[in-house]
Amino acid sequence: MNLLRNRRFVLAFLHKKMMNPRWCTRWMRHGMVLASMPFFIGCHGDESKSVGQALATVNGNDLTIHQVNAELRAVPVTGTPVHMQQRALQQVIERELLAAQAVKVKLDRDPVVLMAIERSKAHILAQAYLRGRVGSAVKPARSEIDAYKNDNPLVFANRKLYSLRYLSMPTAALNKEVEALADQAQTLDELAALLRARKIAFGESQSYRSSAELPAQLLSNLDRLGRRPLFIMRDGGLGLLVSLAFVKDAPVVGEEASQQAEQYLSQRNAVQLAQKEISRLRQQASITYAKGSEPVSAAAAQPVAGAIEGGISGLR
């Protein structure tokens, strides 16, 4: 009985204090946050809910603050803290209603749905494991960051920004006649008019690319563009007639360059560590294949990029 009285006294004391805005503000100033979200339910004057209690009940099922915070982490929304919480809560309610209907019509027994659930479960577990294994070991050293910046001047100190215009068509259509027209034209607009006059179909587009994004072959062509206003590229099944609209210096230096280099190197290190871990697990495991399912080459049995990308996505 004494324990019960004490418990009621403590709850009453806390409730009284939490209704006091200055007390709440003082606690929040000292770092009291709930699941990394900048709101504290007690400070909004809601007497019926505390951490872990239900924010709503849908057909008898409680929806808690933990579910709402998980929703905010998975699907970020914008607005004030109260608006963000309310929006996330509505999303959880809607999903709860839909899931309940799915169970009602026995979709939870559908083989395709069951397979999707199992795949999602395995994927989440794999992601969590890889994040735990590589998350604390991917930060590059300062010397590694500086070396990467020095070795990649086109990404950093000598970075340039290019505005490119394209006429595109299937590679098969990029024949000698089109090449001759490209040699004849002085500008891309003139070439487009020549192609239209001969009823040769093409697409038009424009893009902005930095020297960090462009392949070496294209950068080499752009450097020689002063002697020729147009040039031709073939990329798989696509033929491109390219013109340079403008180019300007756009260096990335100082702390910004270091941050970009660190991000890239961290991601690269994470991928390498994940590949090593998956290779280790493969070597330790007993893996047998049904006839006809064997890897066609040694490379086919190596770690799959998609699995690694998913596993380290939380490190970015």
Protein backbone atom coordinates (compact mmCIF):
# COMPACT_ATOMS: atom_id res chain seq x y z
CA MET A 1 0.00 0.00 0.00
CA ASN A 2 2.86 2.39 0.81
CA LEU A 3 4.40 1.64 -2.59
CA LEU A 4 1.10 2.41 -4.28
CA ARG A 5 0.75 5.70 -2.38
CA ASN A 6 4.33 6.64 -3.25
CA ARG A 7 3.76 5.82 -6.90
CA ARG A 8 0.64 7.94 -7.03
CA PHE A 9 2.46 10.81 -5.28
CA VAL A 10 5.34 10.68 -7.81
CA LEU A 11 2.97 10.56 -10.79
CA ALA A 12 0.96 13.47 -9.42
CA PHE A 13 4.13 15.46 -8.81
CA LEU A 14 5.42 14.82 -12.33
CA HIS A 15 2.06 15.62 -13.87
CA LYS A 16 1.90 18.95 -12.03
CA LYS A 17 5.41 19.84 -13.09
CA MET A 18 4.87 18.83 -16.72
CA MET A 19 1.91 21.17 -16.95
CA ASN A 20 4.28 24.03 -15.99
CA PRO A 21 5.75 25.43 -19.27
CA ARG A 22 8.84 26.84 -17.54
CA TRP A 23 9.63 23.44 -15.97
CA CYS A 24 9.18 21.72 -19.33
CA THR A 25 11.35 24.29 -21.07
CA ARG A 26 14.08 23.84 -18.48
CA TRP A 27 14.09 20.05 -18.96
CA MET A 28 14.11 20.37 -22.73
CA ARG A 29 16.97 22.89 -22.51
CA HIS A 30 18.99 20.25 -20.69
CA GLY A 31 18.60 17.81 -23.52
CA MET A 32 15.41 15.86 -22.79
CA VAL A 33 14.26 14.75 -26.23
CA LEU A 34 12.06 11.90 -27.28
CA ALA A 35 13.53 9.58 -29.89
CA SER A 36 15.47 12.42 -31.50
CA MET A 37 12.29 14.43 -32.18
CA PRO A 38 12.03 18.04 -30.98
CA PHE A 39 8.80 17.66 -29.10
CA PHE A 40 7.82 16.46 -25.63
CA ILE A 41 4.27 15.30 -25.31
CA GLY A 42 3.83 16.46 -21.71
CA CYS A 43 4.71 20.02 -22.64
CA HIS A 44 1.71 20.19 -24.97
CA GLY A 45 -0.65 19.75 -22.06
CA ASP A 46 -1.90 16.24 -22.95
CA GLU A 47 -2.71 14.69 -19.56
CA SER A 48 -3.54 11.21 -20.86
CA LYS A 49 -0.34 10.26 -22.65
CA SER A 50 3.24 9.76 -21.56
CA VAL A 51 6.21 8.13 -23.24
CA GLY A 52 5.24 4.66 -24.48
CA GLN A 53 1.50 5.14 -24.04
CA ALA A 54 -0.94 5.06 -26.92
CA LEU A 55 -1.45 8.17 -29.05
CA ALA A 56 -4.44 6.55 -30.73
CA THR A 57 -6.38 3.30 -30.73
CA VAL A 58 -7.61 1.76 -33.96
CA ASN A 59 -10.16 -1.02 -33.57
CA GLY A 60 -8.65 -1.91 -30.21
CA ASN A 61 -5.00 -1.75 -31.32
CA ASP A 62 -2.85 0.90 -29.60
CA LEU A 63 -0.59 3.10 -31.71
CA THR A 64 2.31 4.45 -29.65
CA ILE A 65 4.76 7.32 -29.85
CA HIS A 66 7.46 4.82 -30.79
CA GLN A 67 5.54 3.88 -33.94
CA VAL A 68 5.06 7.55 -34.81
CA ASN A 69 8.76 8.30 -34.34
CA ALA A 70 9.66 5.29 -36.49
CA GLU A 71 7.34 6.67 -39.17
CA LEU A 72 9.05 10.06 -39.03
CA ARG A 73 12.46 8.44 -39.45
CA ALA A 74 11.28 6.33 -42.38
CA VAL A 75 9.16 8.95 -44.18
CA PRO A 76 10.26 12.45 -43.13
CA VAL A 77 7.64 15.20 -43.21
CA THR A 78 8.08 18.95 -42.92
CA GLY A 79 6.40 21.49 -40.68
CA THR A 80 6.27 22.31 -37.00
CA PRO A 81 7.00 19.51 -34.50
CA VAL A 82 3.30 19.20 -33.63
CA HIS A 83 2.32 19.10 -37.31
CA MET A 84 4.99 16.50 -38.04
CA GLN A 85 3.76 14.29 -35.20
CA GLN A 86 0.12 14.59 -36.24
CA ARG A 87 0.90 13.90 -39.90
CA ALA A 88 2.96 10.83 -39.03
CA LEU A 89 0.24 9.56 -36.70
CA GLN A 90 -2.33 9.79 -39.49
CA GLN A 91 -0.02 7.83 -41.78
CA VAL A 92 0.32 5.10 -39.16
CA ILE A 93 -3.47 5.01 -38.69
CA GLU A 94 -4.08 4.69 -42.44
CA ARG A 95 -1.56 1.87 -42.75
CA GLU A 96 -3.12 0.11 -39.74
CA LEU A 97 -6.56 0.30 -41.37
CA LEU A 98 -5.31 -1.03 -44.69
CA ALA A 99 -3.30 -3.81 -43.06
CA ALA A 100 -6.33 -4.87 -41.03
CA GLN A 101 -8.41 -5.10 -44.19
CA ALA A 102 -5.69 -7.11 -45.89
CA VAL A 103 -5.79 -9.63 -43.04
CA LYS A 104 -9.60 -9.65 -43.15
CA VAL A 105 -9.58 -10.77 -46.79
CA LYS A 106 -6.78 -13.27 -46.00
CA LEU A 107 -4.06 -11.52 -48.03
CA ASP A 108 -1.66 -12.41 -45.23
CA ARG A 109 -1.93 -16.00 -46.49
CA ASP A 110 -1.25 -15.13 -50.13
CA PRO A 111 2.03 -16.82 -51.21
CA VAL A 112 3.22 -13.70 -53.03
CA VAL A 113 2.55 -11.53 -49.96
CA LEU A 114 4.23 -14.05 -47.65
CA MET A 115 7.29 -14.11 -49.88
CA ALA A 116 7.43 -10.29 -49.90
CA ILE A 117 7.19 -10.22 -46.09
CA GLU A 118 9.99 -12.75 -45.73
CA ARG A 119 12.16 -10.86 -48.23
CA SER A 120 11.58 -7.54 -46.43
CA LYS A 121 12.41 -9.14 -43.09
CA ALA A 122 15.65 -10.65 -44.40
CA HIS A 123 16.57 -7.37 -46.12
CA ILE A 124 16.07 -5.32 -42.94
CA LEU A 125 18.12 -7.78 -40.88
CA ALA A 126 20.91 -7.78 -43.48
CA GLN A 127 20.96 -3.96 -43.53
CA ALA A 128 21.12 -3.77 -39.76
CA TYR A 129 23.95 -6.30 -39.61
CA LEU A 130 26.07 -4.55 -42.24
CA ARG A 131 25.53 -1.14 -40.65
CA GLY A 132 26.67 -2.56 -37.34
CA ARG A 133 29.75 -4.16 -38.87
CA VAL A 134 31.02 -1.30 -41.03
CA GLY A 135 29.47 1.79 -39.47
CA SER A 136 32.27 2.57 -37.04
CA ALA A 137 35.19 1.72 -39.31
CA VAL A 138 34.67 3.74 -42.48
CA LYS A 139 35.86 7.25 -41.58
CA PRO A 140 38.97 8.08 -43.62
CA ALA A 141 42.10 9.64 -42.18
CA ARG A 142 42.92 13.27 -42.91
CA SER A 143 45.93 12.20 -44.99
CA GLU A 144 43.66 9.96 -47.10
CA ILE A 145 41.26 12.88 -47.67
CA ASP A 146 44.08 15.23 -48.73
CA ALA A 147 45.59 12.62 -51.04
CA TYR A 148 42.24 12.02 -52.73
CA LYS A 149 41.76 15.76 -53.35
CA ASN A 150 45.26 16.08 -54.80
CA ASP A 151 44.80 13.03 -57.04
CA ASN A 152 41.49 14.30 -58.45
CA PRO A 153 41.95 17.95 -59.47
CA LEU A 154 39.02 17.84 -61.94
CA VAL A 155 36.73 16.98 -59.02
CA PHE A 156 38.06 19.72 -56.75
CA ALA A 157 40.60 22.48 -57.47
CA ASN A 158 40.25 22.42 -61.28
CA ARG A 159 36.57 21.53 -61.43
CA LYS A 160 34.64 23.05 -64.35
CA LEU A 161 30.96 23.31 -65.14
CA TYR A 162 29.79 22.51 -68.68
CA SER A 163 26.49 23.31 -70.36
CA LEU A 164 25.94 20.75 -73.12
CA ARG A 165 23.29 20.57 -75.81
CA TYR A 166 22.48 17.30 -77.55
CA LEU A 167 20.76 15.99 -80.62
CA SER A 168 20.13 12.29 -80.07
CA MET A 169 19.10 9.41 -82.31
CA PRO A 170 19.60 5.63 -82.44
CA THR A 171 23.17 4.67 -83.25
CA ALA A 172 21.99 2.91 -86.40
CA ALA A 173 20.58 6.23 -87.69
CA LEU A 174 23.88 8.02 -87.09
CA ASN A 175 25.20 7.20 -90.55
CA LYS A 176 27.60 8.85 -92.96
CA GLU A 177 24.92 11.25 -94.21
CA VAL A 178 24.34 12.58 -90.67
CA GLU A 179 28.09 12.79 -90.06
CA ALA A 180 28.49 14.81 -93.25
CA LEU A 181 25.74 17.19 -92.11
CA ALA A 182 27.47 17.60 -88.76
CA ASP A 183 30.70 18.53 -90.57
CA GLN A 184 28.78 21.03 -92.69
CA ALA A 185 26.87 22.75 -89.86
CA GLN A 186 28.45 25.53 -87.85
CA THR A 187 26.03 25.34 -84.90
CA LEU A 188 23.74 22.76 -83.36
CA ASP A 189 20.68 24.79 -84.40
CA GLU A 190 21.89 24.75 -88.00
CA LEU A 191 22.43 20.98 -87.82
CA ALA A 192 18.93 20.51 -86.38
CA ALA A 193 17.46 22.47 -89.32
CA LEU A 194 19.38 20.31 -91.82
CA LEU A 195 18.12 17.13 -90.17
CA ARG A 196 14.52 18.36 -90.19
CA ALA A 197 14.77 19.27 -93.87
CA ARG A 198 15.74 15.67 -94.63
CA LYS A 199 13.05 14.32 -92.26
CA ILE A 200 15.64 12.61 -90.04
CA ALA A 201 14.13 12.06 -86.60
CA PHE A 202 16.06 13.16 -83.51
CA GLY A 203 15.59 14.30 -79.94
CA GLU A 204 16.86 17.48 -78.30
CA SER A 205 18.07 18.00 -74.74
CA GLN A 206 20.38 20.13 -72.61
CA SER A 207 22.25 19.28 -69.46
CA TYR A 208 24.70 20.79 -66.99
CA ARG A 209 27.58 18.58 -65.93
CA SER A 210 30.72 19.12 -63.92
CA SER A 211 34.12 17.75 -64.84
CA ALA A 212 33.71 15.36 -61.90
CA GLU A 213 30.74 13.70 -63.62
CA LEU A 214 31.91 13.48 -67.23
CA PRO A 215 33.90 10.56 -68.66
CA ALA A 216 37.49 11.15 -69.72
CA GLN A 217 36.65 10.70 -73.41
CA LEU A 218 34.06 13.46 -73.34
CA LEU A 219 36.32 15.80 -71.36
CA SER A 220 39.03 15.26 -73.95
CA ASN A 221 36.59 16.17 -76.73
CA LEU A 222 35.45 19.26 -74.85
CA ASP A 223 39.05 20.44 -74.49
CA ARG A 224 39.44 20.31 -78.28
CA LEU A 225 36.08 21.90 -78.97
CA GLY A 226 37.62 25.25 -79.85
CA ARG A 227 38.72 23.74 -83.18
CA ARG A 228 35.34 22.13 -83.87
CA PRO A 229 31.94 23.42 -82.73
CA LEU A 230 30.23 19.99 -82.89
CA PHE A 231 31.31 16.44 -82.19
CA ILE A 232 29.74 12.99 -82.28
CA MET A 233 29.54 10.40 -79.53
CA ARG A 234 28.12 6.89 -79.47
CA ASP A 235 26.89 5.50 -76.17
CA GLY A 236 25.61 1.97 -76.61
CA GLY A 237 22.50 2.17 -78.75
CA LEU A 238 22.33 5.98 -78.61
CA GLY A 239 24.10 8.38 -80.96
CA LEU A 240 24.76 11.93 -79.72
CA LEU A 241 25.56 15.09 -81.64
CA VAL A 242 26.99 17.37 -78.96
CA SER A 243 27.59 21.11 -78.74
CA LEU A 244 29.14 23.02 -75.87
CA ALA A 245 26.95 25.98 -74.86
CA PHE A 246 29.38 27.33 -72.24
CA VAL A 247 32.03 26.31 -69.74
CA LYS A 248 33.10 28.04 -66.56
CA ASP A 249 35.44 27.38 -63.67
CA ALA A 250 33.66 25.98 -60.60
CA PRO A 251 36.34 24.86 -58.14
CA VAL A 252 35.49 23.08 -54.92
CA VAL A 253 38.07 24.00 -52.28
CA GLY A 254 38.60 24.31 -48.55
CA GLU A 255 36.27 22.65 -46.07
CA GLU A 256 33.63 21.91 -48.71
CA ALA A 257 36.16 19.89 -50.70
CA SER A 258 37.24 18.01 -47.59
CA GLN A 259 33.65 17.16 -46.70
CA GLN A 260 32.92 15.85 -50.20
CA ALA A 261 36.13 13.82 -50.25
CA GLU A 262 35.38 12.38 -46.81
CA GLN A 263 31.85 11.42 -47.86
CA TYR A 264 33.08 9.65 -51.00
CA LEU A 265 35.90 7.84 -49.20
CA SER A 266 33.62 6.81 -46.33
CA GLN A 267 31.18 5.33 -48.81
CA ARG A 268 33.98 3.56 -50.69
CA ASN A 269 35.47 2.19 -47.48
CA ALA A 270 32.06 0.98 -46.36
CA VAL A 271 31.53 -0.87 -49.64
CA GLN A 272 34.97 -2.49 -49.38
CA LEU A 273 34.38 -3.59 -45.78
CA ALA A 274 30.95 -4.93 -46.67
CA GLN A 275 32.40 -6.90 -49.58
CA LYS A 276 35.02 -8.43 -47.28
CA GLU A 277 32.40 -9.35 -44.71
CA ILE A 278 30.13 -10.98 -47.28
CA SER A 279 33.10 -12.87 -48.75
CA ARG A 280 34.01 -14.08 -45.24
CA LEU A 281 30.47 -15.27 -44.62
CA ARG A 282 30.40 -17.05 -47.97
CA GLN A 283 33.61 -18.89 -47.14
CA GLN A 284 32.29 -20.00 -43.76
CA ALA A 285 28.86 -21.03 -45.05
CA SER A 286 27.82 -24.26 -46.69
CA ILE A 287 26.19 -23.22 -49.98
CA THR A 288 24.91 -25.82 -52.43
CA TYR A 289 23.14 -25.16 -55.72
CA ALA A 290 20.46 -27.13 -57.50
CA LYS A 291 21.44 -28.37 -60.93
CA GLY A 292 21.40 -25.49 -63.39
CA SER A 293 21.57 -22.82 -60.66
CA GLU A 294 25.35 -22.84 -60.24
CA PRO A 295 27.24 -19.56 -60.82
CA VAL A 296 28.40 -19.40 -64.44
CA SER A 297 31.67 -17.81 -63.34
CA ALA A 298 33.63 -16.96 -60.21
CA ALA A 299 32.56 -13.32 -60.60
CA ALA A 300 28.89 -14.34 -60.38
CA ALA A 301 29.48 -15.63 -56.84
CA GLN A 302 30.98 -12.37 -55.60
CA PRO A 303 29.11 -9.93 -53.29
CA VAL A 304 26.19 -8.28 -55.05
CA ALA A 305 26.31 -4.48 -55.29
CA GLY A 306 22.59 -4.08 -54.55
CA ALA A 307 22.82 -5.94 -51.26
CA ILE A 308 25.82 -3.89 -50.19
CA GLU A 309 24.24 -0.58 -51.21
CA GLY A 310 21.13 -1.37 -49.17
CA GLY A 311 23.17 -2.39 -46.16
CA ILE A 312 25.25 0.78 -45.99
CA SER A 313 22.51 3.23 -46.95
CA GLY A 314 22.16 4.32 -43.33
CA LEU A 315 25.79 5.46 -43.22
CA ARG A 316 25.36 8.27 -45.76
